[in-house]
Amino acid sequence: MIDDAGVPLPDKFLPTPFRIEVARDGDGEVRVAPSGELDMSTVPELDSSLTEVCESGRRLIVDLRGLEFMDSTGLSLLTRWSVAANRDGFSLALVAGNERIQRLFEITHLVTHFDFVAG
């Protein structure tokens, strides 16, 4: 990959393609695991996936461990889903991401708003 100045970027700077893995258990729990970068370009994809699986599960778990980056649009999406869970009677929990991801929840004081569970 080449930056705007025409300089090749090292592989470590190449973003991991965004993916979402979904796993369902027999008890109504659905685990959604996004990986890569959750930002304004990928939030609609995660929102769509959560909408799809919400109909098949009573408990949603979003596993953030595969994220390399998350911006405010990702945080807003998760907050909207948390509010919807409280309003609509389903459960939403998060598996904490890496230190950089978790720091977003801490500096916005949303860490106490979410139910974090073990992976």
PDB file of N, CA and C in Angstrom:
ATOM      1  N   MET A   1       0.846  -1.169   0.000  1.00  0.00           N
ATOM      2  CA  MET A   1       0.000   0.000   0.000  1.00  0.00           C
ATOM      3  C   MET A   1       0.894   1.235   0.000  1.00  0.00           C
ATOM      4  N   ILE A   2       0.417   2.290  -0.615  1.00  0.00           N
ATOM      5  CA  ILE A   2       1.178   3.525  -0.749  1.00  0.00           C
ATOM      6  C   ILE A   2       0.381   4.668  -0.139  1.00  0.00           C
ATOM      7  N   ASP A   3       1.076   5.529   0.619  1.00  0.00           N
ATOM      8  CA  ASP A   3       0.378   6.662   1.234  1.00  0.00           C
ATOM      9  C   ASP A   3       0.149   7.768   0.208  1.00  0.00           C
ATOM     10  N   ASP A   4      -0.439   8.886   0.650  1.00  0.00           N
ATOM     11  CA  ASP A   4      -0.778   9.993  -0.252  1.00  0.00           C
ATOM     12  C   ASP A   4       0.440  10.625  -0.920  1.00  0.00           C
ATOM     13  N   ALA A   5       1.601  10.493  -0.300  1.00  0.00           N
ATOM     14  CA  ALA A   5       2.820  11.069  -0.858  1.00  0.00           C
ATOM     15  C   ALA A   5       3.548  10.091  -1.776  1.00  0.00           C
ATOM     16  N   GLY A   6       2.959   8.906  -1.987  1.00  0.00           N
ATOM     17  CA  GLY A   6       3.582   7.912  -2.852  1.00  0.00           C
ATOM     18  C   GLY A   6       4.605   7.035  -2.167  1.00  0.00           C
ATOM     19  N   VAL A   7       4.650   7.097  -0.835  1.00  0.00           N
ATOM     20  CA  VAL A   7       5.610   6.300  -0.076  1.00  0.00           C
ATOM     21  C   VAL A   7       4.959   4.983   0.323  1.00  0.00           C
ATOM     22  N   PRO A   8       5.639   3.860   0.060  1.00  0.00           N
ATOM     23  CA  PRO A   8       5.071   2.563   0.466  1.00  0.00           C
ATOM     24  C   PRO A   8       4.930   2.479   1.987  1.00  0.00           C
ATOM     25  N   LEU A   9       3.805   1.946   2.440  1.00  0.00           N
ATOM     26  CA  LEU A   9       3.570   1.754   3.868  1.00  0.00           C
ATOM     27  C   LEU A   9       4.007   0.356   4.272  1.00  0.00           C
ATOM     28  N   PRO A  10       4.643   0.227   5.430  1.00  0.00           N
ATOM     29  CA  PRO A  10       4.989  -1.111   5.913  1.00  0.00           C
ATOM     30  C   PRO A  10       3.721  -1.910   6.207  1.00  0.00           C
ATOM     31  N   ASP A  11       3.835  -3.221   6.138  1.00  0.00           N
ATOM     32  CA  ASP A  11       2.682  -4.096   6.372  1.00  0.00           C
ATOM     33  C   ASP A  11       1.999  -3.843   7.704  1.00  0.00           C
ATOM     34  N   LYS A  12       2.765  -3.457   8.729  1.00  0.00           N
ATOM     35  CA  LYS A  12       2.155  -3.264  10.046  1.00  0.00           C
ATOM     36  C   LYS A  12       1.153  -2.107  10.061  1.00  0.00           C
ATOM     37  N   PHE A  13       1.186  -1.229   9.030  1.00  0.00           N
ATOM     38  CA  PHE A  13       0.247  -0.126   8.971  1.00  0.00           C
ATOM     39  C   PHE A  13      -0.980  -0.436   8.112  1.00  0.00           C
ATOM     40  N   LEU A  14      -0.978  -1.580   7.470  1.00  0.00           N
ATOM     41  CA  LEU A  14      -2.118  -1.937   6.643  1.00  0.00           C
ATOM     42  C   LEU A  14      -3.272  -2.367   7.546  1.00  0.00           C
ATOM     43  N   PRO A  15      -4.457  -1.810   7.354  1.00  0.00           N
ATOM     44  CA  PRO A  15      -5.583  -2.204   8.207  1.00  0.00           C
ATOM     45  C   PRO A  15      -6.029  -3.632   7.900  1.00  0.00           C
ATOM     46  N   THR A  16      -6.456  -4.316   8.941  1.00  0.00           N
ATOM     47  CA  THR A  16      -7.036  -5.638   8.782  1.00  0.00           C
ATOM     48  C   THR A  16      -8.432  -5.462   8.207  1.00  0.00           C
ATOM     49  N   PRO A  17      -8.807  -6.232   7.203  1.00  0.00           N
ATOM     50  CA  PRO A  17     -10.163  -6.105   6.662  1.00  0.00           C
ATOM     51  C   PRO A  17     -11.209  -6.329   7.758  1.00  0.00           C
ATOM     52  N   PHE A  18     -12.265  -5.550   7.714  1.00  0.00           N
ATOM     53  CA  PHE A  18     -13.327  -5.668   8.704  1.00  0.00           C
ATOM     54  C   PHE A  18     -14.120  -6.936   8.447  1.00  0.00           C
ATOM     55  N   ARG A  19     -14.341  -7.700   9.507  1.00  0.00           N
ATOM     56  CA  ARG A  19     -15.124  -8.937   9.431  1.00  0.00           C
ATOM     57  C   ARG A  19     -16.012  -9.012  10.667  1.00  0.00           C
ATOM     58  N   ILE A  20     -17.071  -9.804  10.529  1.00  0.00           N
ATOM     59  CA  ILE A  20     -17.954 -10.065  11.662  1.00  0.00           C
ATOM     60  C   ILE A  20     -18.236 -11.556  11.696  1.00  0.00           C
ATOM     61  N   GLU A  21     -17.949 -12.169  12.823  1.00  0.00           N
ATOM     62  CA  GLU A  21     -18.288 -13.581  13.022  1.00  0.00           C
ATOM     63  C   GLU A  21     -19.466 -13.652  13.995  1.00  0.00           C
ATOM     64  N   VAL A  22     -20.397 -14.537  13.693  1.00  0.00           N
ATOM     65  CA  VAL A  22     -21.585 -14.702  14.528  1.00  0.00           C
ATOM     66  C   VAL A  22     -21.668 -16.154  14.967  1.00  0.00           C
ATOM     67  N   ALA A  23     -21.900 -16.358  16.252  1.00  0.00           N
ATOM     68  CA  ALA A  23     -22.078 -17.706  16.796  1.00  0.00           C
ATOM     69  C   ALA A  23     -23.331 -17.715  17.663  1.00  0.00           C
ATOM     70  N   ARG A  24     -24.174 -18.717  17.447  1.00  0.00           N
ATOM     71  CA  ARG A  24     -25.415 -18.859  18.226  1.00  0.00           C
ATOM     72  C   ARG A  24     -25.329 -20.118  19.073  1.00  0.00           C
ATOM     73  N   ASP A  25     -25.856 -20.039  20.293  1.00  0.00           N
ATOM     74  CA  ASP A  25     -25.979 -21.261  21.077  1.00  0.00           C
ATOM     75  C   ASP A  25     -27.457 -21.648  21.136  1.00  0.00           C
ATOM     76  N   GLY A  26     -27.769 -22.749  21.742  1.00  0.00           N
ATOM     77  CA  GLY A  26     -29.148 -23.226  21.776  1.00  0.00           C
ATOM     78  C   GLY A  26     -30.024 -22.545  22.797  1.00  0.00           C
ATOM     79  N   ASP A  27     -29.446 -21.677  23.625  1.00  0.00           N
ATOM     80  CA  ASP A  27     -30.204 -21.044  24.700  1.00  0.00           C
ATOM     81  C   ASP A  27     -30.585 -19.595  24.419  1.00  0.00           C
ATOM     82  N   GLY A  28     -30.513 -19.169  23.164  1.00  0.00           N
ATOM     83  CA  GLY A  28     -30.896 -17.813  22.817  1.00  0.00           C
ATOM     84  C   GLY A  28     -29.790 -16.789  22.960  1.00  0.00           C
ATOM     85  N   GLU A  29     -28.542 -17.250  23.130  1.00  0.00           N
ATOM     86  CA  GLU A  29     -27.414 -16.332  23.205  1.00  0.00           C
ATOM     87  C   GLU A  29     -26.747 -16.252  21.838  1.00  0.00           C
ATOM     88  N   VAL A  30     -26.470 -15.029  21.404  1.00  0.00           N
ATOM     89  CA  VAL A  30     -25.799 -14.799  20.130  1.00  0.00           C
ATOM     90  C   VAL A  30     -24.546 -13.979  20.407  1.00  0.00           C
ATOM     91  N   ARG A  31     -23.424 -14.494  19.930  1.00  0.00           N
ATOM     92  CA  ARG A  31     -22.138 -13.811  20.102  1.00  0.00           C
ATOM     93  C   ARG A  31     -21.721 -13.225  18.757  1.00  0.00           C
ATOM     94  N   VAL A  32     -21.469 -11.924  18.756  1.00  0.00           N
ATOM     95  CA  VAL A  32     -21.065 -11.207  17.550  1.00  0.00           C
ATOM     96  C   VAL A  32     -19.649 -10.692  17.788  1.00  0.00           C
ATOM     97  N   ALA A  33     -18.732 -11.060  16.901  1.00  0.00           N
ATOM     98  CA  ALA A  33     -17.332 -10.700  17.085  1.00  0.00           C
ATOM     99  C   ALA A  33     -16.809  -9.937  15.869  1.00  0.00           C
ATOM    100  N   PRO A  34     -16.844  -8.604  15.933  1.00  0.00           N
ATOM    101  CA  PRO A  34     -16.254  -7.829  14.843  1.00  0.00           C
ATOM    102  C   PRO A  34     -14.732  -7.819  14.979  1.00  0.00           C
ATOM    103  N   SER A  35     -14.048  -7.727  13.854  1.00  0.00           N
ATOM    104  CA  SER A  35     -12.589  -7.603  13.899  1.00  0.00           C
ATOM    105  C   SER A  35     -12.146  -6.618  12.833  1.00  0.00           C
ATOM    106  N   GLY A  36     -11.011  -6.006  13.079  1.00  0.00           N
ATOM    107  CA  GLY A  36     -10.498  -4.971  12.188  1.00  0.00           C
ATOM    108  C   GLY A  36     -10.752  -3.607  12.800  1.00  0.00           C
ATOM    109  N   GLU A  37     -11.229  -2.669  11.990  1.00  0.00           N
ATOM    110  CA  GLU A  37     -11.474  -1.301  12.442  1.00  0.00           C
ATOM    111  C   GLU A  37     -12.966  -0.989  12.416  1.00  0.00           C
ATOM    112  N   LEU A  38     -13.485  -0.586  13.575  1.00  0.00           N
ATOM    113  CA  LEU A  38     -14.890  -0.193  13.676  1.00  0.00           C
ATOM    114  C   LEU A  38     -14.937   1.334  13.639  1.00  0.00           C
ATOM    115  N   ASP A  39     -15.342   1.853  12.490  1.00  0.00           N
ATOM    116  CA  ASP A  39     -15.388   3.299  12.303  1.00  0.00           C
ATOM    117  C   ASP A  39     -16.603   3.663  11.455  1.00  0.00           C
ATOM    118  N   MET A  40     -16.680   4.902  11.015  1.00  0.00           N
ATOM    119  CA  MET A  40     -17.874   5.343  10.301  1.00  0.00           C
ATOM    120  C   MET A  40     -18.135   4.553   9.024  1.00  0.00           C
ATOM    121  N   SER A  41     -17.121   3.922   8.461  1.00  0.00           N
ATOM    122  CA  SER A  41     -17.347   3.145   7.239  1.00  0.00           C
ATOM    123  C   SER A  41     -17.819   1.723   7.526  1.00  0.00           C
ATOM    124  N   THR A  42     -17.565   1.206   8.731  1.00  0.00           N
ATOM    125  CA  THR A  42     -17.938  -0.174   9.037  1.00  0.00           C
ATOM    126  C   THR A  42     -19.082  -0.292  10.044  1.00  0.00           C
ATOM    127  N   VAL A  43     -19.416   0.814  10.726  1.00  0.00           N
ATOM    128  CA  VAL A  43     -20.527   0.800  11.688  1.00  0.00           C
ATOM    129  C   VAL A  43     -21.830   0.311  11.057  1.00  0.00           C
ATOM    130  N   PRO A  44     -22.188   0.735   9.838  1.00  0.00           N
ATOM    131  CA  PRO A  44     -23.441   0.235   9.259  1.00  0.00           C
ATOM    132  C   PRO A  44     -23.466  -1.289   9.104  1.00  0.00           C
ATOM    133  N   GLU A  45     -22.327  -1.873   8.817  1.00  0.00           N
ATOM    134  CA  GLU A  45     -22.260  -3.333   8.674  1.00  0.00           C
ATOM    135  C   GLU A  45     -22.511  -4.031  10.014  1.00  0.00           C
ATOM    136  N   LEU A  46     -21.894  -3.524  11.088  1.00  0.00           N
ATOM    137  CA  LEU A  46     -22.128  -4.114  12.401  1.00  0.00           C
ATOM    138  C   LEU A  46     -23.567  -3.873  12.844  1.00  0.00           C
ATOM    139  N   ASP A  47     -24.094  -2.697  12.597  1.00  0.00           N
ATOM    140  CA  ASP A  47     -25.482  -2.387  12.952  1.00  0.00           C
ATOM    141  C   ASP A  47     -26.436  -3.355  12.255  1.00  0.00           C
ATOM    142  N   SER A  48     -26.200  -3.597  10.993  1.00  0.00           N
ATOM    143  CA  SER A  48     -27.026  -4.523  10.222  1.00  0.00           C
ATOM    144  C   SER A  48     -26.941  -5.941  10.784  1.00  0.00           C
ATOM    145  N   SER A  49     -25.739  -6.367  11.126  1.00  0.00           N
ATOM    146  CA  SER A  49     -25.568  -7.710  11.701  1.00  0.00           C
ATOM    147  C   SER A  49     -26.272  -7.832  13.044  1.00  0.00           C
ATOM    148  N   LEU A  50     -26.157  -6.812  13.883  1.00  0.00           N
ATOM    149  CA  LEU A  50     -26.833  -6.847  15.181  1.00  0.00           C
ATOM    150  C   LEU A  50     -28.346  -6.873  15.006  1.00  0.00           C
ATOM    151  N   THR A  51     -28.857  -6.120  14.055  1.00  0.00           N
ATOM    152  CA  THR A  51     -30.295  -6.129  13.779  1.00  0.00           C
ATOM    153  C   THR A  51     -30.745  -7.524  13.354  1.00  0.00           C
ATOM    154  N   GLU A  52     -29.976  -8.147  12.487  1.00  0.00           N
ATOM    155  CA  GLU A  52     -30.307  -9.502  12.018  1.00  0.00           C
ATOM    156  C   GLU A  52     -30.354 -10.510  13.157  1.00  0.00           C
ATOM    157  N   VAL A  53     -29.321 -10.505  13.989  1.00  0.00           N
ATOM    158  CA  VAL A  53     -29.234 -11.534  15.035  1.00  0.00           C
ATOM    159  C   VAL A  53     -30.107 -11.232  16.230  1.00  0.00           C
ATOM    160  N   CYS A  54     -30.486  -9.982  16.403  1.00  0.00           N
ATOM    161  CA  CYS A  54     -31.319  -9.615  17.549  1.00  0.00           C
ATOM    162  C   CYS A  54     -32.637 -10.367  17.529  1.00  0.00           C
ATOM    163  N   GLU A  55     -33.145 -10.633  16.339  1.00  0.00           N
ATOM    164  CA  GLU A  55     -34.410 -11.339  16.221  1.00  0.00           C
ATOM    165  C   GLU A  55     -34.312 -12.794  16.648  1.00  0.00           C
ATOM    166  N   SER A  56     -33.085 -13.350  16.635  1.00  0.00           N
ATOM    167  CA  SER A  56     -32.939 -14.770  16.960  1.00  0.00           C
ATOM    168  C   SER A  56     -32.372 -15.008  18.351  1.00  0.00           C
ATOM    169  N   GLY A  57     -32.105 -13.959  19.121  1.00  0.00           N
ATOM    170  CA  GLY A  57     -31.501 -14.164  20.431  1.00  0.00           C
ATOM    171  C   GLY A  57     -32.069 -13.252  21.492  1.00  0.00           C
ATOM    172  N   ARG A  58     -32.045 -13.754  22.712  1.00  0.00           N
ATOM    173  CA  ARG A  58     -32.482 -12.954  23.854  1.00  0.00           C
ATOM    174  C   ARG A  58     -31.301 -12.258  24.521  1.00  0.00           C
ATOM    175  N   ARG A  59     -30.106 -12.766  24.238  1.00  0.00           N
ATOM    176  CA  ARG A  59     -28.889 -12.196  24.833  1.00  0.00           C
ATOM    177  C   ARG A  59     -27.856 -12.015  23.733  1.00  0.00           C
ATOM    178  N   LEU A  60     -27.421 -10.775  23.542  1.00  0.00           N
ATOM    179  CA  LEU A  60     -26.377 -10.470  22.572  1.00  0.00           C
ATOM    180  C   LEU A  60     -25.084 -10.195  23.315  1.00  0.00           C
ATOM    181  N   ILE A  61     -24.022 -10.795  22.842  1.00  0.00           N
ATOM    182  CA  ILE A  61     -22.692 -10.515  23.374  1.00  0.00           C
ATOM    183  C   ILE A  61     -21.847 -10.024  22.212  1.00  0.00           C
ATOM    184  N   VAL A  62     -21.309  -8.825  22.348  1.00  0.00           N
ATOM    185  CA  VAL A  62     -20.429  -8.269  21.326  1.00  0.00           C
ATOM    186  C   VAL A  62     -19.004  -8.382  21.853  1.00  0.00           C
ATOM    187  N   ASP A  63     -18.222  -9.185  21.169  1.00  0.00           N
ATOM    188  CA  ASP A  63     -16.845  -9.463  21.566  1.00  0.00           C
ATOM    189  C   ASP A  63     -15.918  -8.490  20.844  1.00  0.00           C
ATOM    190  N   LEU A  64     -15.327  -7.575  21.588  1.00  0.00           N
ATOM    191  CA  LEU A  64     -14.511  -6.508  21.010  1.00  0.00           C
ATOM    192  C   LEU A  64     -13.031  -6.868  20.906  1.00  0.00           C
ATOM    193  N   ARG A  65     -12.650  -8.073  21.278  1.00  0.00           N
ATOM    194  CA  ARG A  65     -11.229  -8.436  21.307  1.00  0.00           C
ATOM    195  C   ARG A  65     -10.560  -8.412  19.935  1.00  0.00           C
ATOM    196  N   GLY A  66     -11.321  -8.564  18.860  1.00  0.00           N
ATOM    197  CA  GLY A  66     -10.731  -8.579  17.526  1.00  0.00           C
ATOM    198  C   GLY A  66     -10.561  -7.200  16.907  1.00  0.00           C
ATOM    199  N   LEU A  67     -11.036  -6.166  17.592  1.00  0.00           N
ATOM    200  CA  LEU A  67     -10.922  -4.814  17.033  1.00  0.00           C
ATOM    201  C   LEU A  67      -9.524  -4.255  17.257  1.00  0.00           C
ATOM    202  N   GLU A  68      -8.999  -3.647  16.216  1.00  0.00           N
ATOM    203  CA  GLU A  68      -7.721  -2.946  16.300  1.00  0.00           C
ATOM    204  C   GLU A  68      -7.944  -1.460  16.554  1.00  0.00           C
ATOM    205  N   PHE A  69      -9.121  -0.980  16.170  1.00  0.00           N
ATOM    206  CA  PHE A  69      -9.436   0.446  16.284  1.00  0.00           C
ATOM    207  C   PHE A  69     -10.945   0.594  16.392  1.00  0.00           C
ATOM    208  N   MET A  70     -11.375   1.569  17.185  1.00  0.00           N
ATOM    209  CA  MET A  70     -12.791   1.925  17.246  1.00  0.00           C
ATOM    210  C   MET A  70     -12.868   3.424  17.486  1.00  0.00           C
ATOM    211  N   ASP A  71     -13.703   4.114  16.709  1.00  0.00           N
ATOM    212  CA  ASP A  71     -13.867   5.550  16.905  1.00  0.00           C
ATOM    213  C   ASP A  71     -15.196   5.837  17.591  1.00  0.00           C
ATOM    214  N   SER A  72     -15.546   7.105  17.653  1.00  0.00           N
ATOM    215  CA  SER A  72     -16.758   7.510  18.367  1.00  0.00           C
ATOM    216  C   SER A  72     -18.029   6.963  17.724  1.00  0.00           C
ATOM    217  N   THR A  73     -18.000   6.696  16.419  1.00  0.00           N
ATOM    218  CA  THR A  73     -19.205   6.149  15.793  1.00  0.00           C
ATOM    219  C   THR A  73     -19.437   4.712  16.264  1.00  0.00           C
ATOM    220  N   GLY A  74     -18.376   3.974  16.486  1.00  0.00           N
ATOM    221  CA  GLY A  74     -18.512   2.624  17.042  1.00  0.00           C
ATOM    222  C   GLY A  74     -19.038   2.666  18.465  1.00  0.00           C
ATOM    223  N   LEU A  75     -18.513   3.585  19.248  1.00  0.00           N
ATOM    224  CA  LEU A  75     -18.969   3.754  20.627  1.00  0.00           C
ATOM    225  C   LEU A  75     -20.435   4.175  20.661  1.00  0.00           C
ATOM    226  N   SER A  76     -20.823   5.073  19.771  1.00  0.00           N
ATOM    227  CA  SER A  76     -22.225   5.511  19.695  1.00  0.00           C
ATOM    228  C   SER A  76     -23.138   4.356  19.313  1.00  0.00           C
ATOM    229  N   LEU A  77     -22.701   3.541  18.358  1.00  0.00           N
ATOM    230  CA  LEU A  77     -23.506   2.391  17.949  1.00  0.00           C
ATOM    231  C   LEU A  77     -23.743   1.453  19.122  1.00  0.00           C
ATOM    232  N   LEU A  78     -22.701   1.114  19.850  1.00  0.00           N
ATOM    233  CA  LEU A  78     -22.848   0.204  20.992  1.00  0.00           C
ATOM    234  C   LEU A  78     -23.732   0.817  22.074  1.00  0.00           C
ATOM    235  N   THR A  79     -23.624   2.113  22.273  1.00  0.00           N
ATOM    236  CA  THR A  79     -24.471   2.792  23.266  1.00  0.00           C
ATOM    237  C   THR A  79     -25.935   2.755  22.842  1.00  0.00           C
ATOM    238  N   ARG A  80     -26.204   2.999  21.561  1.00  0.00           N
ATOM    239  CA  ARG A  80     -27.590   2.910  21.070  1.00  0.00           C
ATOM    240  C   ARG A  80     -28.156   1.509  21.269  1.00  0.00           C
ATOM    241  N   TRP A  81     -27.337   0.495  20.994  1.00  0.00           N
ATOM    242  CA  TRP A  81     -27.799  -0.878  21.177  1.00  0.00           C
ATOM    243  C   TRP A  81     -28.025  -1.204  22.646  1.00  0.00           C
ATOM    244  N   SER A  82     -27.226  -0.643  23.530  1.00  0.00           N
ATOM    245  CA  SER A  82     -27.425  -0.852  24.960  1.00  0.00           C
ATOM    246  C   SER A  82     -28.740  -0.233  25.420  1.00  0.00           C
ATOM    247  N   VAL A  83     -29.027   0.969  24.958  1.00  0.00           N
ATOM    248  CA  VAL A  83     -30.297   1.630  25.290  1.00  0.00           C
ATOM    249  C   VAL A  83     -31.469   0.821  24.736  1.00  0.00           C
ATOM    250  N   ALA A  84     -31.333   0.336  23.503  1.00  0.00           N
ATOM    251  CA  ALA A  84     -32.393  -0.478  22.894  1.00  0.00           C
ATOM    252  C   ALA A  84     -32.614  -1.763  23.679  1.00  0.00           C
ATOM    253  N   ALA A  85     -31.543  -2.369  24.168  1.00  0.00           N
ATOM    254  CA  ALA A  85     -31.677  -3.604  24.951  1.00  0.00           C
ATOM    255  C   ALA A  85     -32.496  -3.342  26.212  1.00  0.00           C
ATOM    256  N   ASN A  86     -32.175  -2.267  26.895  1.00  0.00           N
ATOM    257  CA  ASN A  86     -32.931  -1.929  28.110  1.00  0.00           C
ATOM    258  C   ASN A  86     -34.389  -1.632  27.799  1.00  0.00           C
ATOM    259  N   ARG A  87     -34.625  -0.966  26.700  1.00  0.00           N
ATOM    260  CA  ARG A  87     -35.983  -0.580  26.313  1.00  0.00           C
ATOM    261  C   ARG A  87     -36.797  -1.774  25.804  1.00  0.00           C
ATOM    262  N   ASP A  88     -36.152  -2.647  25.021  1.00  0.00           N
ATOM    263  CA  ASP A  88     -36.883  -3.699  24.321  1.00  0.00           C
ATOM    264  C   ASP A  88     -36.825  -5.073  24.993  1.00  0.00           C
ATOM    265  N   GLY A  89     -36.160  -5.166  26.129  1.00  0.00           N
ATOM    266  CA  GLY A  89     -36.208  -6.393  26.910  1.00  0.00           C
ATOM    267  C   GLY A  89     -35.269  -7.510  26.492  1.00  0.00           C
ATOM    268  N   PHE A  90     -34.183  -7.181  25.806  1.00  0.00           N
ATOM    269  CA  PHE A  90     -33.164  -8.204  25.573  1.00  0.00           C
ATOM    270  C   PHE A  90     -31.894  -7.758  26.278  1.00  0.00           C
ATOM    271  N   SER A  91     -30.938  -8.633  26.352  1.00  0.00           N
ATOM    272  CA  SER A  91     -29.714  -8.368  27.093  1.00  0.00           C
ATOM    273  C   SER A  91     -28.570  -8.108  26.121  1.00  0.00           C
ATOM    274  N   LEU A  92     -27.726  -7.133  26.451  1.00  0.00           N
ATOM    275  CA  LEU A  92     -26.533  -6.849  25.672  1.00  0.00           C
ATOM    276  C   LEU A  92     -25.345  -6.792  26.615  1.00  0.00           C
ATOM    277  N   ALA A  93     -24.314  -7.535  26.288  1.00  0.00           N
ATOM    278  CA  ALA A  93     -23.075  -7.514  27.065  1.00  0.00           C
ATOM    279  C   ALA A  93     -21.906  -7.386  26.103  1.00  0.00           C
ATOM    280  N   LEU A  94     -20.795  -6.884  26.620  1.00  0.00           N
ATOM    281  CA  LEU A  94     -19.584  -6.727  25.820  1.00  0.00           C
ATOM    282  C   LEU A  94     -18.451  -7.532  26.422  1.00  0.00           C
ATOM    283  N   VAL A  95     -17.610  -8.079  25.562  1.00  0.00           N
ATOM    284  CA  VAL A  95     -16.328  -8.634  25.980  1.00  0.00           C
ATOM    285  C   VAL A  95     -15.315  -7.537  25.695  1.00  0.00           C
ATOM    286  N   ALA A  96     -14.564  -7.137  26.705  1.00  0.00           N
ATOM    287  CA  ALA A  96     -13.650  -6.012  26.572  1.00  0.00           C
ATOM    288  C   ALA A  96     -12.617  -6.243  25.481  1.00  0.00           C
ATOM    289  N   GLY A  97     -12.296  -5.169  24.782  1.00  0.00           N
ATOM    290  CA  GLY A  97     -11.276  -5.213  23.752  1.00  0.00           C
ATOM    291  C   GLY A  97      -9.902  -4.944  24.340  1.00  0.00           C
ATOM    292  N   ASN A  98      -8.953  -4.660  23.466  1.00  0.00           N
ATOM    293  CA  ASN A  98      -7.598  -4.370  23.928  1.00  0.00           C
ATOM    294  C   ASN A  98      -7.583  -3.069  24.726  1.00  0.00           C
ATOM    295  N   GLU A  99      -6.434  -2.712  25.232  1.00  0.00           N
ATOM    296  CA  GLU A  99      -6.310  -1.549  26.110  1.00  0.00           C
ATOM    297  C   GLU A  99      -6.779  -0.256  25.430  1.00  0.00           C
ATOM    298  N   ARG A 100      -6.457  -0.084  24.155  1.00  0.00           N
ATOM    299  CA  ARG A 100      -6.871   1.132  23.440  1.00  0.00           C
ATOM    300  C   ARG A 100      -8.387   1.202  23.286  1.00  0.00           C
ATOM    301  N   ILE A 101      -9.005   0.064  22.995  1.00  0.00           N
ATOM    302  CA  ILE A 101     -10.462   0.028  22.848  1.00  0.00           C
ATOM    303  C   ILE A 101     -11.119   0.294  24.194  1.00  0.00           C
ATOM    304  N   GLN A 102     -10.636  -0.368  25.224  1.00  0.00           N
ATOM    305  CA  GLN A 102     -11.235  -0.225  26.550  1.00  0.00           C
ATOM    306  C   GLN A 102     -11.078   1.199  27.077  1.00  0.00           C
ATOM    307  N   ARG A 103     -10.004   1.852  26.692  1.00  0.00           N
ATOM    308  CA  ARG A 103      -9.756   3.232  27.133  1.00  0.00           C
ATOM    309  C   ARG A 103     -10.873   4.181  26.671  1.00  0.00           C
ATOM    310  N   LEU A 104     -11.462   3.923  25.503  1.00  0.00           N
ATOM    311  CA  LEU A 104     -12.588   4.741  25.027  1.00  0.00           C
ATOM    312  C   LEU A 104     -13.754   4.714  26.008  1.00  0.00           C
ATOM    313  N   PHE A 105     -14.028   3.534  26.539  1.00  0.00           N
ATOM    314  CA  PHE A 105     -15.129   3.404  27.492  1.00  0.00           C
ATOM    315  C   PHE A 105     -14.804   4.125  28.797  1.00  0.00           C
ATOM    316  N   GLU A 106     -13.532   4.083  29.180  1.00  0.00           N
ATOM    317  CA  GLU A 106     -13.123   4.722  30.431  1.00  0.00           C
ATOM    318  C   GLU A 106     -13.151   6.245  30.333  1.00  0.00           C
ATOM    319  N   ILE A 107     -12.596   6.812  29.260  1.00  0.00           N
ATOM    320  CA  ILE A 107     -12.531   8.276  29.185  1.00  0.00           C
ATOM    321  C   ILE A 107     -13.898   8.910  28.935  1.00  0.00           C
ATOM    322  N   THR A 108     -14.825   8.140  28.403  1.00  0.00           N
ATOM    323  CA  THR A 108     -16.187   8.654  28.203  1.00  0.00           C
ATOM    324  C   THR A 108     -17.105   8.308  29.378  1.00  0.00           C
ATOM    325  N   HIS A 109     -16.567   7.623  30.360  1.00  0.00           N
ATOM    326  CA  HIS A 109     -17.314   7.186  31.545  1.00  0.00           C
ATOM    327  C   HIS A 109     -18.451   6.232  31.194  1.00  0.00           C
ATOM    328  N   LEU A 110     -18.353   5.577  30.047  1.00  0.00           N
ATOM    329  CA  LEU A 110     -19.363   4.594  29.655  1.00  0.00           C
ATOM    330  C   LEU A 110     -19.043   3.195  30.168  1.00  0.00           C
ATOM    331  N   VAL A 111     -17.889   3.034  30.776  1.00  0.00           N
ATOM    332  CA  VAL A 111     -17.508   1.715  31.269  1.00  0.00           C
ATOM    333  C   VAL A 111     -18.528   1.182  32.279  1.00  0.00           C
ATOM    334  N   THR A 112     -19.156   2.074  33.037  1.00  0.00           N
ATOM    335  CA  THR A 112     -20.155   1.632  34.019  1.00  0.00           C
ATOM    336  C   THR A 112     -21.526   1.437  33.398  1.00  0.00           C
ATOM    337  N   HIS A 113     -21.723   1.946  32.196  1.00  0.00           N
ATOM    338  CA  HIS A 113     -23.006   1.814  31.508  1.00  0.00           C
ATOM    339  C   HIS A 113     -23.197   0.423  30.912  1.00  0.00           C
ATOM    340  N   PHE A 114     -22.094  -0.218  30.549  1.00  0.00           N
ATOM    341  CA  PHE A 114     -22.145  -1.511  29.869  1.00  0.00           C
ATOM    342  C   PHE A 114     -21.892  -2.660  30.828  1.00  0.00           C
ATOM    343  N   ASP A 115     -22.433  -3.807  30.459  1.00  0.00           N
ATOM    344  CA  ASP A 115     -22.180  -5.054  31.171  1.00  0.00           C
ATOM    345  C   ASP A 115     -21.028  -5.747  30.449  1.00  0.00           C
ATOM    346  N   PHE A 116     -19.847  -5.765  31.075  1.00  0.00           N
ATOM    347  CA  PHE A 116     -18.698  -6.445  30.489  1.00  0.00           C
ATOM    348  C   PHE A 116     -18.617  -7.859  31.070  1.00  0.00           C
ATOM    349  N   VAL A 117     -18.435  -8.832  30.190  1.00  0.00           N
ATOM    350  CA  VAL A 117     -18.375 -10.233  30.601  1.00  0.00           C
ATOM    351  C   VAL A 117     -17.060 -10.828  30.126  1.00  0.00           C
ATOM    352  N   ALA A 118     -16.704 -11.964  30.707  1.00  0.00           N
ATOM    353  CA  ALA A 118     -15.487 -12.674  30.309  1.00  0.00           C
ATOM    354  C   ALA A 118     -15.672 -13.264  28.919  1.00  0.00           C
ATOM    355  N   GLY A 119     -14.581 -13.376  28.206  1.00  0.00           N
ATOM    356  CA  GLY A 119     -14.621 -13.906  26.843  1.00  0.00           C
ATOM    357  C   GLY A 119     -14.754 -15.365  26.837  1.00  0.00           C
TER     358      GLY A 119
END
